């Protein structure tokens, strides 16, 4: 039956469907969850999930038709349809629904799988997210039968990783361009609210730095709460962030903490199709970022079985010991990069000959680099050579132009020579 441009199977009309959906609030409000038995709660949860899935699929179908009508000049389009009821749907929810519909409309096999009920909103969301940084032509390489089969058979989080890996293979850079773009989009703004007199901060960071900042604030917040015997509050979190930013936090070493999950092959520089390289929150990282983070990190081996269950957890080992850091501080007071004045507290210990490729953690192979220049080496294709006898550091840009530094003098004189950026 065709009504107002929408096609429904059987004898269900749009009017009847709308009335049914509007009556849901009455049905939901009449359920006394507190009196449900455990088996009834399980049945109720299963029914809710089934209904959510059906409604998400229907909403995508509506969006696909609206998108096609927009293309033909017959309607407002998917975006207008999804955003039409701003009083009931939040902006980010409406945008996600519109993106789902656009993805299903732009990929024939994905759209067919949605129409047949083979995949749902969660799988389409994963495909849409992976396709964001692909061109329209590249996106079609995700529209495959293999990917649809994976969406049907794999758990949601495993499928999300699978489709992300597929997108990275299409781009051919293992996510480096996306990571670099997010780093460049990072921003920091601050101003004083004239009405309240309060200072306001708005910041946006790439996933790696975001997690490092959040982990640092959360750790110090926990310390403050435990010391004061109080609960964690947003006000106490602000105090924790303030102390960290102003260097007043007790025991702060100035080294950010971030945990990453990476398989041994990727850590050794052998990236494969379905490598594991992400933060504990699930944000993907390119191999270059993994190599940089591993330069001065606590590494813990975890052996997993084929089913993903840990079989063995090895001991921790630090790539640069406290004693080696003392020695580095005796030689360097700033980042070792030519002309860089960032303090040593902002630096990580970088291995000239990478540790995962057999490099040692001896002083003849270690130099301190600030975050900016650590990124330049691992993600920016700059290369370094350290003369162990003189500690002279030769820095080569991607075009192999040489910038040489001498042994770090604790009281250096002004050097007019050009420094690398």
Protein backbone atom coordinates (compact mmCIF):
# COMPACT_ATOMS: atom_id res chain seq x y z
CA UNK A 1 0.00 0.00 0.00
CA UNK A 2 1.49 3.34 -1.01
CA UNK A 3 0.58 6.39 1.04
CA UNK A 4 2.27 9.81 0.84
CA UNK A 5 5.30 8.31 -0.93
CA UNK A 6 5.94 5.57 1.66
CA UNK A 7 5.41 1.90 0.91
CA UNK A 8 4.26 -0.53 3.59
CA UNK A 9 3.79 -4.26 3.14
CA UNK A 10 0.44 -5.82 3.95
CA UNK A 11 -2.47 -3.59 4.92
CA UNK A 12 -0.85 -1.23 7.42
CA UNK A 13 -1.48 2.41 6.56
CA UNK A 14 0.61 5.37 7.60
CA UNK A 15 -2.27 6.67 9.71
CA UNK A 16 -2.58 3.38 11.58
CA UNK A 17 1.18 3.16 12.05
CA UNK A 18 1.39 6.69 13.43
CA UNK A 19 -1.43 6.03 15.88
CA UNK A 20 0.30 2.84 17.03
CA UNK A 21 3.58 4.66 17.63
CA UNK A 22 1.85 7.47 19.53
CA UNK A 23 0.09 4.94 21.77
CA UNK A 24 3.45 3.53 22.88
CA UNK A 25 3.80 6.17 25.59
CA UNK A 26 0.55 4.95 27.14
CA UNK A 27 1.70 1.34 27.01
CA UNK A 28 5.12 2.13 28.48
CA UNK A 29 3.72 4.25 31.32
CA UNK A 30 1.36 1.41 32.27
CA UNK A 31 4.14 -1.13 32.92
CA UNK A 32 4.97 -1.53 36.60
CA UNK A 33 8.61 -2.59 36.32
CA UNK A 34 9.08 -2.73 40.11
CA UNK A 35 6.62 -5.67 40.34
CA UNK A 36 8.21 -7.70 37.53
CA UNK A 37 9.84 -11.03 38.27
CA UNK A 38 13.39 -11.74 36.97
CA UNK A 39 12.11 -13.82 34.04
CA UNK A 40 9.60 -11.08 33.18
CA UNK A 41 12.36 -8.45 33.23
CA UNK A 42 14.38 -10.56 30.82
CA UNK A 43 11.40 -10.95 28.51
CA UNK A 44 10.65 -7.23 28.75
CA UNK A 45 14.24 -6.31 27.93
CA UNK A 46 14.24 -8.64 24.92
CA UNK A 47 10.99 -7.11 23.70
CA UNK A 48 12.30 -3.56 24.11
CA UNK A 49 15.47 -4.40 22.20
CA UNK A 50 13.43 -5.98 19.41
CA UNK A 51 11.19 -2.92 19.22
CA UNK A 52 14.17 -0.56 19.21
CA UNK A 53 15.75 -2.51 16.36
CA UNK A 54 12.54 -2.47 14.33
CA UNK A 55 12.02 1.27 14.85
CA UNK A 56 15.64 2.07 13.99
CA UNK A 57 15.33 0.09 10.75
CA UNK A 58 12.04 1.79 9.89
CA UNK A 59 13.52 5.21 10.60
CA UNK A 60 16.41 4.44 8.24
CA UNK A 61 13.96 3.34 5.55
CA UNK A 62 12.05 6.61 5.96
CA UNK A 63 15.31 8.52 5.68
CA UNK A 64 16.35 6.64 2.52
CA UNK A 65 13.05 7.44 0.80
CA UNK A 66 13.21 11.08 1.94
CA UNK A 67 16.80 11.33 0.66
CA UNK A 68 15.72 10.02 -2.74
CA UNK A 69 12.79 12.43 -2.83
CA UNK A 70 15.18 15.27 -2.07
CA UNK A 71 17.40 14.16 -4.97
CA UNK A 72 14.34 14.22 -7.22
CA UNK A 73 13.18 17.61 -5.94
CA UNK A 74 10.09 16.18 -4.24
CA UNK A 75 10.77 16.84 -0.57
CA UNK A 76 12.90 18.32 2.19
CA UNK A 77 15.25 15.34 2.27
CA UNK A 78 16.48 13.09 5.04
CA UNK A 79 18.09 15.90 7.04
CA UNK A 80 14.90 17.95 7.11
CA UNK A 81 12.81 14.90 8.00
CA UNK A 82 15.04 13.82 10.88
CA UNK A 83 15.47 17.30 12.31
CA UNK A 84 11.81 18.19 11.97
CA UNK A 85 10.77 17.58 15.57
CA UNK A 86 13.44 19.44 17.53
CA UNK A 87 11.34 19.43 20.69
CA UNK A 88 11.59 15.64 21.00
CA UNK A 89 14.91 14.71 19.36
CA UNK A 90 18.28 16.08 20.38
CA UNK A 91 20.49 17.52 17.69
CA UNK A 92 23.19 14.85 17.86
CA UNK A 93 20.54 12.11 17.74
CA UNK A 94 18.94 13.67 14.67
CA UNK A 95 22.31 14.02 12.96
CA UNK A 96 23.16 10.38 13.67
CA UNK A 97 19.79 9.26 12.26
CA UNK A 98 20.32 11.37 9.16
CA UNK A 99 23.82 9.94 8.69
CA UNK A 100 22.44 6.41 8.96
CA UNK A 101 19.85 7.12 6.30
CA UNK A 102 22.42 8.74 4.02
CA UNK A 103 24.74 5.75 4.37
CA UNK A 104 21.97 3.25 3.62
CA UNK A 105 20.82 5.34 0.63
CA UNK A 106 24.33 5.72 -0.80
CA UNK A 107 25.36 2.05 -0.58
CA UNK A 108 23.12 -0.37 -2.45
CA UNK A 109 24.10 -3.54 -0.58
CA UNK A 110 23.96 -1.85 2.81
CA UNK A 111 20.55 -0.41 1.93
CA UNK A 112 19.29 -3.81 0.82
CA UNK A 113 20.54 -5.43 4.03
CA UNK A 114 18.71 -2.77 6.06
CA UNK A 115 15.53 -3.26 4.03
CA UNK A 116 15.71 -7.04 4.56
CA UNK A 117 16.32 -6.61 8.29
CA UNK A 118 19.73 -8.32 8.09
CA UNK A 119 21.59 -5.45 9.79
CA UNK A 120 20.49 -2.74 12.18
CA UNK A 121 21.35 0.76 13.30
CA UNK A 122 24.46 -0.26 15.26
CA UNK A 123 26.08 -1.84 12.21
CA UNK A 124 25.12 1.06 9.94
CA UNK A 125 26.55 3.50 12.48
CA UNK A 126 29.89 1.64 12.33
CA UNK A 127 29.89 1.75 8.53
CA UNK A 128 28.96 5.45 8.51
CA UNK A 129 31.73 6.33 10.95
CA UNK A 130 34.33 4.40 8.94
CA UNK A 131 33.18 6.05 5.71
CA UNK A 132 33.36 9.65 6.96
CA UNK A 133 36.89 10.30 5.73
CA UNK A 134 36.49 8.40 2.45
CA UNK A 135 35.56 9.90 -0.88
CA UNK A 136 32.22 8.79 -2.43
CA UNK A 137 34.16 6.49 -4.75
CA UNK A 138 36.15 4.99 -1.86
CA UNK A 139 32.99 4.48 0.19
CA UNK A 140 31.70 2.05 -2.42
CA UNK A 141 34.58 -0.29 -1.57
CA UNK A 142 32.90 -0.78 1.82
CA UNK A 143 29.64 -1.81 0.14
CA UNK A 144 30.50 -5.51 -0.15
CA UNK A 145 28.82 -8.82 0.55
CA UNK A 146 31.71 -9.83 2.83
CA UNK A 147 31.18 -6.75 5.01
CA UNK A 148 27.43 -7.38 5.19
CA UNK A 149 28.07 -11.00 6.20
CA UNK A 150 30.48 -9.77 8.90
CA UNK A 151 27.87 -7.30 10.16
CA UNK A 152 25.39 -10.17 10.55
CA UNK A 153 27.73 -12.60 12.28
CA UNK A 154 30.16 -10.56 14.40
CA UNK A 155 29.58 -8.82 17.75
CA UNK A 156 29.03 -5.07 17.33
CA UNK A 157 32.42 -3.99 18.70
CA UNK A 158 34.31 -6.59 16.65
CA UNK A 159 32.46 -5.54 13.49
CA UNK A 160 33.23 -1.87 14.18
CA UNK A 161 36.93 -2.73 14.25
CA UNK A 162 36.58 -4.84 11.09
CA UNK A 163 34.94 -2.06 9.07
CA UNK A 164 37.43 0.50 10.42
CA UNK A 165 40.32 -1.72 9.30
CA UNK A 166 38.70 -2.04 5.88
CA UNK A 167 38.46 1.76 5.56
CA UNK A 168 42.11 2.15 6.56
CA UNK A 169 43.17 -0.37 3.92
CA UNK A 170 41.23 1.62 1.34
CA UNK A 171 43.03 4.81 2.37
CA UNK A 172 46.31 2.89 2.53
CA UNK A 173 47.81 4.73 5.53
CA UNK A 174 46.58 2.71 8.55
CA UNK A 175 44.74 5.76 9.88
CA UNK A 176 47.72 8.14 9.93
CA UNK A 177 46.02 10.88 7.90
CA UNK A 178 42.93 10.76 10.12
CA UNK A 179 45.03 10.94 13.30
CA UNK A 180 47.10 13.83 11.94
CA UNK A 181 43.96 15.71 10.89
CA UNK A 182 42.46 15.30 14.37
CA UNK A 183 45.68 16.56 15.94
CA UNK A 184 45.55 19.64 13.70
CA UNK A 185 41.86 20.22 14.54
CA UNK A 186 42.61 20.22 18.26
CA UNK A 187 41.85 23.61 19.79
CA UNK A 188 41.88 25.56 23.05
CA UNK A 189 39.75 28.62 23.79
CA UNK A 190 39.16 30.57 26.98
CA UNK A 191 37.18 33.66 27.93
CA UNK A 192 35.44 35.37 30.86
CA UNK A 193 31.68 35.14 31.07
CA UNK A 194 30.56 38.73 31.63
CA UNK A 195 27.31 37.73 33.28
CA UNK A 196 28.73 35.28 35.83
CA UNK A 197 32.30 36.55 36.08
CA UNK A 198 33.52 32.97 35.71
CA UNK A 199 36.35 31.96 33.44
CA UNK A 200 35.28 29.48 30.76
CA UNK A 201 37.41 27.03 28.79
CA UNK A 202 36.46 25.17 25.63
CA UNK A 203 38.90 22.61 24.30
CA UNK A 204 38.92 19.86 21.71
CA UNK A 205 41.66 17.23 21.48
CA UNK A 206 42.53 14.26 19.33
CA UNK A 207 41.68 10.93 21.04
CA UNK A 208 45.22 10.20 22.25
CA UNK A 209 45.75 13.52 24.01
CA UNK A 210 42.14 13.56 25.21
CA UNK A 211 42.58 10.25 26.99
CA UNK A 212 45.93 11.31 28.45
CA UNK A 213 44.35 14.49 29.87
CA UNK A 214 41.24 12.74 31.19
CA UNK A 215 43.30 9.95 32.79
CA UNK A 216 45.57 12.49 34.50
CA UNK A 217 42.64 14.52 35.86
CA UNK A 218 40.74 11.42 36.98
CA UNK A 219 43.80 10.01 38.77
CA UNK A 220 44.46 13.27 40.61
CA UNK A 221 40.75 13.70 41.37
CA UNK A 222 40.75 10.26 43.01
CA UNK A 223 43.81 11.22 45.04
CA UNK A 224 42.22 14.47 46.26
CA UNK A 225 38.95 12.73 47.14
CA UNK A 226 40.75 9.99 49.09
CA UNK A 227 42.97 12.46 50.95
CA UNK A 228 40.01 14.62 51.96
CA UNK A 229 37.61 11.77 52.63
CA UNK A 230 35.04 13.37 50.31
CA UNK A 231 33.08 12.36 47.26
CA UNK A 232 34.13 13.20 43.73
CA UNK A 233 32.37 16.30 42.42
CA UNK A 234 32.70 18.52 39.37
CA UNK A 235 34.09 21.25 41.60
CA UNK A 236 36.79 18.91 42.94
CA UNK A 237 37.54 17.81 39.36
CA UNK A 238 38.10 21.47 38.44
CA UNK A 239 40.53 21.76 41.38
CA UNK A 240 42.35 18.63 40.18
CA UNK A 241 42.70 20.04 36.67
CA UNK A 242 43.88 23.39 38.06
CA UNK A 243 46.57 21.76 40.20
CA UNK A 244 47.80 19.67 37.29
CA UNK A 245 47.91 22.61 34.87
CA UNK A 246 49.75 24.85 37.33
CA UNK A 247 52.22 22.17 38.48
CA UNK A 248 50.83 22.03 42.02
CA UNK A 249 49.82 18.37 41.97
CA UNK A 250 51.78 16.24 44.42
CA UNK A 251 54.07 13.73 42.78
CA UNK A 252 53.31 14.94 39.26
CA UNK A 253 56.09 13.84 36.90
CA UNK A 254 54.80 15.75 33.90
CA UNK A 255 54.49 12.55 31.86
CA UNK A 256 51.00 11.81 30.46
CA UNK A 257 49.50 8.37 31.04
CA UNK A 258 47.63 6.54 28.33
CA UNK A 259 46.97 2.84 27.92
CA UNK A 260 46.94 1.25 24.48
CA UNK A 261 46.15 -2.22 23.22
CA UNK A 262 48.46 -3.45 20.47
CA UNK A 263 49.38 -6.84 19.08
CA UNK A 264 53.02 -7.95 19.04
CA UNK A 265 53.33 -7.83 15.24
CA UNK A 266 52.21 -4.20 15.09
CA UNK A 267 54.50 -3.29 17.99
CA UNK A 268 57.35 -4.87 16.02
CA UNK A 269 56.50 -2.79 12.94
CA UNK A 270 54.73 -5.53 10.96
CA UNK A 271 51.23 -4.16 10.44
CA UNK A 272 48.70 -6.62 9.12
CA UNK A 273 45.13 -6.38 7.93
CA UNK A 274 43.33 -6.85 11.25
CA UNK A 275 45.91 -5.51 13.67
CA UNK A 276 44.92 -4.40 17.18
CA UNK A 277 46.11 -0.85 17.84
CA UNK A 278 43.78 1.30 19.87
CA UNK A 279 43.39 3.04 23.20
CA UNK A 280 41.52 1.31 25.98
CA UNK A 281 38.52 3.49 25.10
CA UNK A 282 38.55 2.01 21.59
CA UNK A 283 40.00 4.95 19.64
CA UNK A 284 42.19 3.67 16.78
CA UNK A 285 45.83 4.76 16.54
CA UNK A 286 48.16 4.49 13.53
CA UNK A 287 51.32 2.37 13.84
CA UNK A 288 53.46 5.52 13.92
CA UNK A 289 51.71 6.72 17.08
CA UNK A 290 52.07 3.29 18.66
CA UNK A 291 55.83 3.36 18.01
CA UNK A 292 56.14 6.83 19.57
CA UNK A 293 54.16 5.87 22.67
CA UNK A 294 56.24 2.71 23.10
CA UNK A 295 59.46 4.76 23.22
CA UNK A 296 59.07 5.56 26.92
CA UNK A 297 56.35 3.33 28.28
CA UNK A 298 55.52 0.62 30.73
CA UNK A 299 54.91 -2.47 28.62
CA UNK A 300 52.89 -5.41 29.88
CA UNK A 301 52.64 -8.61 27.88
CA UNK A 302 49.23 -10.25 27.72
CA UNK A 303 48.93 -13.53 25.83
CA UNK A 304 45.45 -14.17 24.44
CA UNK A 305 43.94 -17.42 23.25
CA UNK A 306 42.01 -17.75 20.01
CA UNK A 307 38.82 -16.82 21.85
CA UNK A 308 40.40 -13.60 23.17
CA UNK A 309 40.68 -14.82 26.79
CA UNK A 310 43.98 -13.87 28.50
CA UNK A 311 46.19 -16.93 29.02
CA UNK A 312 49.30 -15.31 30.49
CA UNK A 313 50.28 -11.84 31.72
CA UNK A 314 53.99 -11.06 31.70
CA UNK A 315 55.92 -8.80 34.05
CA UNK A 316 56.21 -5.04 33.48
CA UNK A 317 59.43 -3.46 32.23
CA UNK A 318 60.20 0.21 31.74
CA UNK A 319 62.07 1.17 28.59
CA UNK A 320 63.84 4.08 30.30
CA UNK A 321 64.66 3.61 33.98
CA UNK A 322 64.64 6.31 36.63
CA UNK A 323 68.44 6.18 36.73
CA UNK A 324 68.62 6.73 32.97
CA UNK A 325 66.27 9.71 33.29
CA UNK A 326 68.60 11.16 35.94
CA UNK A 327 71.46 10.81 33.48
CA UNK A 328 69.44 12.42 30.70
CA UNK A 329 68.61 15.34 32.99
CA UNK A 330 72.32 15.74 33.73
CA UNK A 331 72.98 16.21 30.00
CA UNK A 332 69.81 17.91 28.79
CA UNK A 333 67.70 20.63 30.33
CA UNK A 334 65.34 20.88 27.34
CA UNK A 335 64.15 18.83 24.40
CA UNK A 336 67.17 17.57 22.43
CA UNK A 337 65.79 18.96 19.15
CA UNK A 338 67.87 21.79 17.74
CA UNK A 339 66.56 25.14 18.96
CA UNK A 340 63.74 23.68 21.08
CA UNK A 341 63.39 25.21 24.56
CA UNK A 342 60.60 23.01 25.89
CA UNK A 343 61.55 21.81 29.39
CA UNK A 344 62.65 18.25 30.08
CA UNK A 345 59.50 17.63 32.15
CA UNK A 346 57.54 17.86 28.90
CA UNK A 347 59.66 15.24 27.14
CA UNK A 348 59.59 11.51 26.54
CA UNK A 349 62.65 9.28 26.12
CA UNK A 350 63.03 8.47 22.43
CA UNK A 351 65.00 5.48 21.13
CA UNK A 352 67.15 6.39 18.14
CA UNK A 353 67.24 2.72 17.18
CA UNK A 354 63.66 1.73 17.96
CA UNK A 355 63.25 -0.62 20.91
CA UNK A 356 60.80 -2.89 19.11
CA UNK A 357 63.40 -3.35 16.35
CA UNK A 358 66.14 -4.43 18.73
CA UNK A 359 67.29 -1.05 20.02
CA UNK A 360 68.54 -0.95 23.59
CA UNK A 361 67.53 1.36 26.42
CA UNK A 362 71.14 2.41 26.95
CA UNK A 363 71.99 6.11 27.18
CA UNK A 364 73.82 5.91 23.85
CA UNK A 365 70.44 5.20 22.24
CA UNK A 366 68.20 7.59 24.23
CA UNK A 367 67.42 11.30 23.84
CA UNK A 368 64.62 13.42 25.32
CA UNK A 369 62.06 14.77 22.84
CA UNK A 370 59.04 16.95 23.51
CA UNK A 371 55.66 15.83 22.20
CA UNK A 372 55.83 18.03 19.09
CA UNK A 373 59.21 16.71 17.96
CA UNK A 374 58.41 13.15 19.02
CA UNK A 375 55.47 13.38 16.62
CA UNK A 376 57.78 14.79 13.94
CA UNK A 377 59.97 11.71 14.12
CA UNK A 378 57.28 9.03 14.24
CA UNK A 379 54.42 10.58 12.27
CA UNK A 380 56.27 13.28 10.31
CA UNK A 381 59.02 11.17 8.65
CA UNK A 382 61.92 13.10 10.23
CA UNK A 383 64.90 10.91 11.15
CA UNK A 384 67.65 11.16 13.77
CA UNK A 385 71.23 9.95 14.17
CA UNK A 386 73.03 10.16 17.51
CA UNK A 387 76.81 9.98 17.83
CA UNK A 388 77.24 8.11 21.15
CA UNK A 389 80.71 9.52 21.88
CA UNK A 390 79.97 13.21 21.39
CA UNK A 391 76.15 13.15 21.83
CA UNK A 392 75.92 15.13 18.59
CA UNK A 393 72.43 14.76 17.17
CA UNK A 394 71.93 14.86 13.41
CA UNK A 395 68.36 15.70 12.40
CA UNK A 396 67.16 14.99 8.86
CA UNK A 397 63.91 16.37 7.49
CA UNK A 398 61.78 14.26 5.11
CA UNK A 399 63.88 15.59 2.19
CA UNK A 400 67.07 14.49 3.97
CA UNK A 401 68.21 18.05 4.74
CA UNK A 402 70.61 17.93 7.71
CA UNK A 403 70.34 19.97 10.92
CA UNK A 404 73.18 19.08 13.29
CA UNK A 405 73.40 19.82 17.01
CA UNK A 406 76.41 19.65 19.31
CA UNK A 407 76.68 18.11 22.78
CA UNK A 408 74.00 19.72 25.00
CA UNK A 409 75.74 22.45 27.00
CA UNK A 410 74.13 23.19 30.37
CA UNK A 411 74.82 26.89 29.73
CA UNK A 412 74.51 27.23 25.96
CA UNK A 413 75.41 30.38 24.10
CA UNK A 414 73.09 31.88 21.47
CA UNK A 415 73.37 29.93 18.22
CA UNK A 416 72.40 31.91 15.12
CA UNK A 417 72.30 28.75 12.96
CA UNK A 418 68.91 27.92 11.48
CA UNK A 419 66.95 25.36 13.47
CA UNK A 420 64.46 22.88 12.07
CA UNK A 421 60.78 23.67 12.72
